């Protein structure tokens, strides 16, 4: 069978091919539109281990990576879900929070990503607003008016959160920041 024969066979069945392709596209569009959207809020956290001057940088990175793994496991516990529930004053049932918080350490790095998923956009916003600290990054490259607008909006969404600004990837840290 030559290439010409294949093209002739396809040409003879072109109406069937177009009809089947259209049916598959319509089925996918219909099924996709029926799926309930899942809303997700995520943040990447850089773990800074408490170190002394005698620790070399490679050892510090290793300690940070191990801490990120430990913190990622801790973030998914019932204790953390309960803390979020309490922070939300019981607005969302504990059963809707448990199992919705995930955390993944970045392999080989002292970073972890924490995510919250929810099918209800209002509940997702409330869970994201449960943070007691919010770090706004890239303030060094954003327009000052845009930064102020964002800070105002965040203060409205979560008035009890401490909002920290990061310029050039650095956050001013003191003992109150860590509490």
Foldseek 3Di string as FASTA:
>chain_A
DDPVVVVVVCVVCVVVVVVVVVVVVVVVVVVVVPDQDKDKDKDKDAFQDDDDPPDDPVVRFVVLQVVLVVVQVVCLDLVVLVLLCVLLVNPDPSVQFHPQWGKAGDPSGSMMMIMGMHSDPVVNLSSVLSAQEAEAEPPQPDDPVVVVVVVVVNCVSHVNHHYFYYDPNDTDDDPVVVD
